[in-house]
Amino acid sequence: HPELYRFVVRRTFADRPVRSDPVTA
């Protein structure tokens, strides 16, 4: 799932600070 990995790690989709960071979790 390379694109899913990039989607999550790069965080460009999120339009505001997130309530919890999936990468850190």
PDB file of all heavy atoms in Angstrom:
ATOM      1  N   HIS A   1       0.842  -1.204   0.000  1.00  0.00           N
ATOM      2  CA  HIS A   1       0.000   0.000   0.000  1.00  0.00           C
ATOM      3  C   HIS A   1       0.878   1.256   0.000  1.00  0.00           C
ATOM      4  O   HIS A   1       0.824   2.057   0.941  1.00  0.00           O
ATOM      5  CB  HIS A   1      -0.913   0.005   1.227  1.00  0.00           C
ATOM      6  CG  HIS A   1      -1.855  -1.158   1.307  1.00  0.00           C
ATOM      7  ND1 HIS A   1      -3.042  -1.193   0.600  1.00  0.00           N
ATOM      8  CD2 HIS A   1      -1.775  -2.321   2.005  1.00  0.00           C
ATOM      9  CE1 HIS A   1      -3.659  -2.331   0.876  1.00  0.00           C
ATOM     10  NE2 HIS A   1      -2.914  -3.040   1.706  1.00  0.00           N
ATOM     11  N   PRO A   2       1.683   1.466  -1.043  1.00  0.00           N
ATOM     12  CA  PRO A   2       2.617   2.603  -1.013  1.00  0.00           C
ATOM     13  C   PRO A   2       1.921   3.958  -0.969  1.00  0.00           C
ATOM     14  O   PRO A   2       2.363   4.870  -0.265  1.00  0.00           O
ATOM     15  CB  PRO A   2       3.425   2.430  -2.304  1.00  0.00           C
ATOM     16  CG  PRO A   2       2.537   1.628  -3.207  1.00  0.00           C
ATOM     17  CD  PRO A   2       1.790   0.705  -2.304  1.00  0.00           C
ATOM     18  N   GLU A   3       0.823   4.115  -1.724  1.00  0.00           N
ATOM     19  CA  GLU A   3       0.147   5.410  -1.742  1.00  0.00           C
ATOM     20  C   GLU A   3      -0.574   5.678  -0.420  1.00  0.00           C
ATOM     21  O   GLU A   3      -0.647   6.827   0.037  1.00  0.00           O
ATOM     22  CB  GLU A   3      -0.830   5.486  -2.914  1.00  0.00           C
ATOM     23  CG  GLU A   3      -0.157   5.480  -4.281  1.00  0.00           C
ATOM     24  CD  GLU A   3       0.824   6.630  -4.446  1.00  0.00           C
ATOM     25  OE1 GLU A   3       0.589   7.715  -3.874  1.00  0.00           O
ATOM     26  OE2 GLU A   3       1.846   6.446  -5.151  1.00  0.00           O
ATOM     27  N   LEU A   4      -1.100   4.643   0.183  1.00  0.00           N
ATOM     28  CA  LEU A   4      -1.725   4.806   1.501  1.00  0.00           C
ATOM     29  C   LEU A   4      -0.668   5.242   2.518  1.00  0.00           C
ATOM     30  O   LEU A   4      -0.918   6.127   3.344  1.00  0.00           O
ATOM     31  CB  LEU A   4      -2.376   3.491   1.939  1.00  0.00           C
ATOM     32  CG  LEU A   4      -2.967   3.468   3.345  1.00  0.00           C
ATOM     33  CD1 LEU A   4      -4.120   4.448   3.464  1.00  0.00           C
ATOM     34  CD2 LEU A   4      -3.439   2.053   3.711  1.00  0.00           C
ATOM     35  N   TYR A   5       0.506   4.642   2.449  1.00  0.00           N
ATOM     36  CA  TYR A   5       1.593   5.015   3.344  1.00  0.00           C
ATOM     37  C   TYR A   5       1.945   6.494   3.153  1.00  0.00           C
ATOM     38  O   TYR A   5       2.058   7.241   4.135  1.00  0.00           O
ATOM     39  CB  TYR A   5       2.815   4.137   3.063  1.00  0.00           C
ATOM     40  CG  TYR A   5       4.050   4.535   3.840  1.00  0.00           C
ATOM     41  CD1 TYR A   5       4.220   4.139   5.160  1.00  0.00           C
ATOM     42  CD2 TYR A   5       5.041   5.312   3.250  1.00  0.00           C
ATOM     43  CE1 TYR A   5       5.346   4.508   5.873  1.00  0.00           C
ATOM     44  CE2 TYR A   5       6.172   5.687   3.955  1.00  0.00           C
ATOM     45  CZ  TYR A   5       6.327   5.283   5.263  1.00  0.00           C
ATOM     46  OH  TYR A   5       7.448   5.659   5.971  1.00  0.00           O
ATOM     47  N   ARG A   6       2.080   6.933   1.903  1.00  0.00           N
ATOM     48  CA  ARG A   6       2.424   8.332   1.636  1.00  0.00           C
ATOM     49  C   ARG A   6       1.301   9.268   2.077  1.00  0.00           C
ATOM     50  O   ARG A   6       1.547  10.356   2.592  1.00  0.00           O
ATOM     51  CB  ARG A   6       2.729   8.514   0.151  1.00  0.00           C
ATOM     52  CG  ARG A   6       3.959   7.745  -0.328  1.00  0.00           C
ATOM     53  CD  ARG A   6       4.259   8.030  -1.788  1.00  0.00           C
ATOM     54  NE  ARG A   6       5.442   7.303  -2.242  1.00  0.00           N
ATOM     55  CZ  ARG A   6       5.416   6.222  -3.016  1.00  0.00           C
ATOM     56  NH1 ARG A   6       4.242   5.750  -3.450  1.00  0.00           N
ATOM     57  NH2 ARG A   6       6.526   5.618  -3.385  1.00  0.00           N
ATOM     58  N   PHE A   7       0.058   8.847   1.862  1.00  0.00           N
ATOM     59  CA  PHE A   7      -1.099   9.636   2.261  1.00  0.00           C
ATOM     60  C   PHE A   7      -1.059   9.912   3.763  1.00  0.00           C
ATOM     61  O   PHE A   7      -1.290  11.043   4.218  1.00  0.00           O
ATOM     62  CB  PHE A   7      -2.380   8.882   1.890  1.00  0.00           C
ATOM     63  CG  PHE A   7      -3.664   9.516   2.369  1.00  0.00           C
ATOM     64  CD1 PHE A   7      -4.323  10.449   1.579  1.00  0.00           C
ATOM     65  CD2 PHE A   7      -4.220   9.168   3.591  1.00  0.00           C
ATOM     66  CE1 PHE A   7      -5.508  11.035   2.009  1.00  0.00           C
ATOM     67  CE2 PHE A   7      -5.397   9.739   4.031  1.00  0.00           C
ATOM     68  CZ  PHE A   7      -6.042  10.680   3.234  1.00  0.00           C
ATOM     69  N   VAL A   8      -0.757   8.876   4.545  1.00  0.00           N
ATOM     70  CA  VAL A   8      -0.766   9.017   6.002  1.00  0.00           C
ATOM     71  C   VAL A   8       0.454   9.795   6.474  1.00  0.00           C
ATOM     72  O   VAL A   8       0.345  10.701   7.315  1.00  0.00           O
ATOM     73  CB  VAL A   8      -0.828   7.634   6.671  1.00  0.00           C
ATOM     74  CG1 VAL A   8      -0.684   7.767   8.180  1.00  0.00           C
ATOM     75  CG2 VAL A   8      -2.139   6.931   6.333  1.00  0.00           C
ATOM     76  N   VAL A   9       1.636   9.476   5.949  1.00  0.00           N
ATOM     77  CA  VAL A   9       2.867  10.079   6.443  1.00  0.00           C
ATOM     78  C   VAL A   9       2.984  11.551   6.038  1.00  0.00           C
ATOM     79  O   VAL A   9       3.418  12.394   6.834  1.00  0.00           O
ATOM     80  CB  VAL A   9       4.094   9.287   5.940  1.00  0.00           C
ATOM     81  CG1 VAL A   9       5.387  10.015   6.247  1.00  0.00           C
ATOM     82  CG2 VAL A   9       4.115   7.900   6.584  1.00  0.00           C
ATOM     83  N   ARG A  10       2.570  11.899   4.818  1.00  0.00           N
ATOM     84  CA  ARG A  10       2.737  13.278   4.343  1.00  0.00           C
ATOM     85  C   ARG A  10       1.715  14.248   4.914  1.00  0.00           C
ATOM     86  O   ARG A  10       1.936  15.454   4.938  1.00  0.00           O
ATOM     87  CB  ARG A  10       2.684  13.293   2.816  1.00  0.00           C
ATOM     88  CG  ARG A  10       3.879  12.592   2.174  1.00  0.00           C
ATOM     89  CD  ARG A  10       3.742  12.511   0.667  1.00  0.00           C
ATOM     90  NE  ARG A  10       4.878  11.816   0.067  1.00  0.00           N
ATOM     91  CZ  ARG A  10       4.966  11.509  -1.218  1.00  0.00           C
ATOM     92  NH1 ARG A  10       3.971  11.834  -2.046  1.00  0.00           N
ATOM     93  NH2 ARG A  10       6.025  10.871  -1.669  1.00  0.00           N
ATOM     94  N   ARG A  11       0.541  13.770   5.306  1.00  0.00           N
ATOM     95  CA  ARG A  11      -0.479  14.586   5.978  1.00  0.00           C
ATOM     96  C   ARG A  11      -0.998  15.751   5.126  1.00  0.00           C
ATOM     97  O   ARG A  11      -1.535  16.727   5.656  1.00  0.00           O
ATOM     98  CB  ARG A  11       0.065  15.162   7.290  1.00  0.00           C
ATOM     99  CG  ARG A  11       0.527  14.154   8.314  1.00  0.00           C
ATOM    100  CD  ARG A  11       0.977  14.868   9.583  1.00  0.00           C
ATOM    101  NE  ARG A  11       1.401  13.978  10.622  1.00  0.00           N
ATOM    102  CZ  ARG A  11       2.638  13.520  10.749  1.00  0.00           C
ATOM    103  NH1 ARG A  11       3.574  13.895   9.891  1.00  0.00           N
ATOM    104  NH2 ARG A  11       2.957  12.705  11.737  1.00  0.00           N
ATOM    105  N   THR A  12      -0.826  15.704   3.823  1.00  0.00           N
ATOM    106  CA  THR A  12      -1.259  16.823   2.989  1.00  0.00           C
ATOM    107  C   THR A  12      -2.778  16.887   2.845  1.00  0.00           C
ATOM    108  O   THR A  12      -3.321  17.938   2.501  1.00  0.00           O
ATOM    109  CB  THR A  12      -0.628  16.721   1.588  1.00  0.00           C
ATOM    110  OG1 THR A  12      -0.950  15.443   1.014  1.00  0.00           O
ATOM    111  CG2 THR A  12       0.883  16.866   1.659  1.00  0.00           C
ATOM    112  N   PHE A  13      -3.463  15.787   3.103  1.00  0.00           N
ATOM    113  CA  PHE A  13      -4.913  15.746   2.925  1.00  0.00           C
ATOM    114  C   PHE A  13      -5.625  16.500   4.048  1.00  0.00           C
ATOM    115  O   PHE A  13      -6.642  17.160   3.820  1.00  0.00           O
ATOM    116  CB  PHE A  13      -5.386  14.289   2.899  1.00  0.00           C
ATOM    117  CG  PHE A  13      -6.855  14.108   2.641  1.00  0.00           C
ATOM    118  CD1 PHE A  13      -7.359  14.141   1.348  1.00  0.00           C
ATOM    119  CD2 PHE A  13      -7.735  13.911   3.698  1.00  0.00           C
ATOM    120  CE1 PHE A  13      -8.708  13.965   1.097  1.00  0.00           C
ATOM    121  CE2 PHE A  13      -9.100  13.729   3.463  1.00  0.00           C
ATOM    122  CZ  PHE A  13      -9.583  13.762   2.164  1.00  0.00           C
ATOM    123  N   ALA A  14      -5.091  16.398   5.257  1.00  0.00           N
ATOM    124  CA  ALA A  14      -5.741  17.027   6.415  1.00  0.00           C
ATOM    125  C   ALA A  14      -5.730  18.545   6.257  1.00  0.00           C
ATOM    126  O   ALA A  14      -4.717  19.142   5.875  1.00  0.00           O
ATOM    127  CB  ALA A  14      -5.030  16.623   7.701  1.00  0.00           C
ATOM    128  N   ASP A  15      -6.878  19.182   6.518  1.00  0.00           N
ATOM    129  CA  ASP A  15      -6.992  20.624   6.337  1.00  0.00           C
ATOM    130  C   ASP A  15      -6.891  21.402   7.644  1.00  0.00           C
ATOM    131  O   ASP A  15      -7.093  22.612   7.665  1.00  0.00           O
ATOM    132  CB  ASP A  15      -8.313  20.965   5.632  1.00  0.00           C
ATOM    133  CG  ASP A  15      -9.522  20.345   6.328  1.00  0.00           C
ATOM    134  OD1 ASP A  15      -9.329  19.689   7.368  1.00  0.00           O
ATOM    135  OD2 ASP A  15     -10.644  20.515   5.828  1.00  0.00           O
ATOM    136  N   ARG A  16      -6.594  20.726   8.733  1.00  0.00           N
ATOM    137  CA  ARG A  16      -6.384  21.387  10.028  1.00  0.00           C
ATOM    138  C   ARG A  16      -5.641  20.415  10.938  1.00  0.00           C
ATOM    139  O   ARG A  16      -5.509  19.229  10.609  1.00  0.00           O
ATOM    140  CB  ARG A  16      -7.724  21.796  10.657  1.00  0.00           C
ATOM    141  CG  ARG A  16      -8.616  20.629  11.049  1.00  0.00           C
ATOM    142  CD  ARG A  16      -9.843  21.090  11.822  1.00  0.00           C
ATOM    143  NE  ARG A  16     -10.703  19.979  12.176  1.00  0.00           N
ATOM    144  CZ  ARG A  16     -10.510  19.162  13.203  1.00  0.00           C
ATOM    145  NH1 ARG A  16      -9.454  19.325  13.975  1.00  0.00           N
ATOM    146  NH2 ARG A  16     -11.347  18.177  13.460  1.00  0.00           N
ATOM    147  N   PRO A  17      -5.131  20.877  12.079  1.00  0.00           N
ATOM    148  CA  PRO A  17      -4.464  19.950  13.004  1.00  0.00           C
ATOM    149  C   PRO A  17      -5.396  18.809  13.383  1.00  0.00           C
ATOM    150  O   PRO A  17      -6.588  19.005  13.605  1.00  0.00           O
ATOM    151  CB  PRO A  17      -4.146  20.842  14.220  1.00  0.00           C
ATOM    152  CG  PRO A  17      -4.039  22.219  13.657  1.00  0.00           C
ATOM    153  CD  PRO A  17      -5.062  22.278  12.544  1.00  0.00           C
ATOM    154  N   VAL A  18      -4.838  17.599  13.438  1.00  0.00           N
ATOM    155  CA  VAL A  18      -5.664  16.422  13.677  1.00  0.00           C
ATOM    156  C   VAL A  18      -5.785  16.155  15.172  1.00  0.00           C
ATOM    157  O   VAL A  18      -4.918  16.544  15.968  1.00  0.00           O
ATOM    158  CB  VAL A  18      -5.084  15.181  12.969  1.00  0.00           C
ATOM    159  CG1 VAL A  18      -5.114  15.386  11.460  1.00  0.00           C
ATOM    160  CG2 VAL A  18      -3.658  14.896  13.428  1.00  0.00           C
ATOM    161  N   ARG A  19      -6.882  15.477  15.564  1.00  0.00           N
ATOM    162  CA  ARG A  19      -7.118  15.168  16.973  1.00  0.00           C
ATOM    163  C   ARG A  19      -6.150  14.105  17.476  1.00  0.00           C
ATOM    164  O   ARG A  19      -5.869  14.027  18.668  1.00  0.00           O
ATOM    165  CB  ARG A  19      -8.570  14.702  17.172  1.00  0.00           C
ATOM    166  CG  ARG A  19      -8.977  13.519  16.315  1.00  0.00           C
ATOM    167  CD  ARG A  19     -10.411  13.087  16.576  1.00  0.00           C
ATOM    168  NE  ARG A  19     -10.895  12.132  15.595  1.00  0.00           N
ATOM    169  CZ  ARG A  19     -10.637  10.850  15.610  1.00  0.00           C
ATOM    170  NH1 ARG A  19      -9.865  10.352  16.562  1.00  0.00           N
ATOM    171  NH2 ARG A  19     -11.131  10.048  14.682  1.00  0.00           N
ATOM    172  N   SER A  20      -5.666  13.249  16.592  1.00  0.00           N
ATOM    173  CA  SER A  20      -4.663  12.249  16.951  1.00  0.00           C
ATOM    174  C   SER A  20      -3.832  11.961  15.712  1.00  0.00           C
ATOM    175  O   SER A  20      -4.361  11.918  14.608  1.00  0.00           O
ATOM    176  CB  SER A  20      -5.314  10.963  17.466  1.00  0.00           C
ATOM    177  OG  SER A  20      -6.126  10.379  16.474  1.00  0.00           O
ATOM    178  N   ASP A  21      -2.534  11.776  15.915  1.00  0.00           N
ATOM    179  CA  ASP A  21      -1.608  11.575  14.799  1.00  0.00           C
ATOM    180  C   ASP A  21      -1.470  10.083  14.517  1.00  0.00           C
ATOM    181  O   ASP A  21      -0.908   9.353  15.345  1.00  0.00           O
ATOM    182  CB  ASP A  21      -0.253  12.179  15.149  1.00  0.00           C
ATOM    183  CG  ASP A  21       0.757  12.047  14.022  1.00  0.00           C
ATOM    184  OD1 ASP A  21       0.372  11.543  12.945  1.00  0.00           O
ATOM    185  OD2 ASP A  21       1.908  12.432  14.211  1.00  0.00           O
ATOM    186  N   PRO A  22      -1.967   9.593  13.371  1.00  0.00           N
ATOM    187  CA  PRO A  22      -1.876   8.156  13.078  1.00  0.00           C
ATOM    188  C   PRO A  22      -0.439   7.649  13.020  1.00  0.00           C
ATOM    189  O   PRO A  22      -0.175   6.502  13.401  1.00  0.00           O
ATOM    190  CB  PRO A  22      -2.570   8.036  11.711  1.00  0.00           C
ATOM    191  CG  PRO A  22      -3.431   9.243  11.587  1.00  0.00           C
ATOM    192  CD  PRO A  22      -2.705  10.324  12.324  1.00  0.00           C
ATOM    193  N   VAL A  23       0.482   8.486  12.541  1.00  0.00           N
ATOM    194  CA  VAL A  23       1.872   8.050  12.428  1.00  0.00           C
ATOM    195  C   VAL A  23       2.465   7.807  13.815  1.00  0.00           C
ATOM    196  O   VAL A  23       3.096   6.782  14.083  1.00  0.00           O
ATOM    197  CB  VAL A  23       2.710   9.084  11.658  1.00  0.00           C
ATOM    198  CG1 VAL A  23       4.171   8.645  11.587  1.00  0.00           C
ATOM    199  CG2 VAL A  23       2.150   9.292  10.260  1.00  0.00           C
ATOM    200  N   THR A  24       2.245   8.753  14.718  1.00  0.00           N
ATOM    201  CA  THR A  24       2.737   8.597  16.086  1.00  0.00           C
ATOM    202  C   THR A  24       2.082   7.404  16.777  1.00  0.00           C
ATOM    203  O   THR A  24       2.748   6.631  17.483  1.00  0.00           O
ATOM    204  CB  THR A  24       2.475   9.876  16.895  1.00  0.00           C
ATOM    205  OG1 THR A  24       3.141  10.976  16.268  1.00  0.00           O
ATOM    206  CG2 THR A  24       2.980   9.736  18.318  1.00  0.00           C
ATOM    207  N   ALA A  25       0.780   7.256  16.568  1.00  0.00           N
ATOM    208  CA  ALA A  25       0.059   6.140  17.182  1.00  0.00           C
ATOM    209  C   ALA A  25       0.608   4.806  16.692  1.00  0.00           C
ATOM    210  O   ALA A  25       0.797   3.865  17.476  1.00  0.00           O
ATOM    211  CB  ALA A  25      -1.430   6.244  16.877  1.00  0.00           C
TER     212      ALA A  25
END
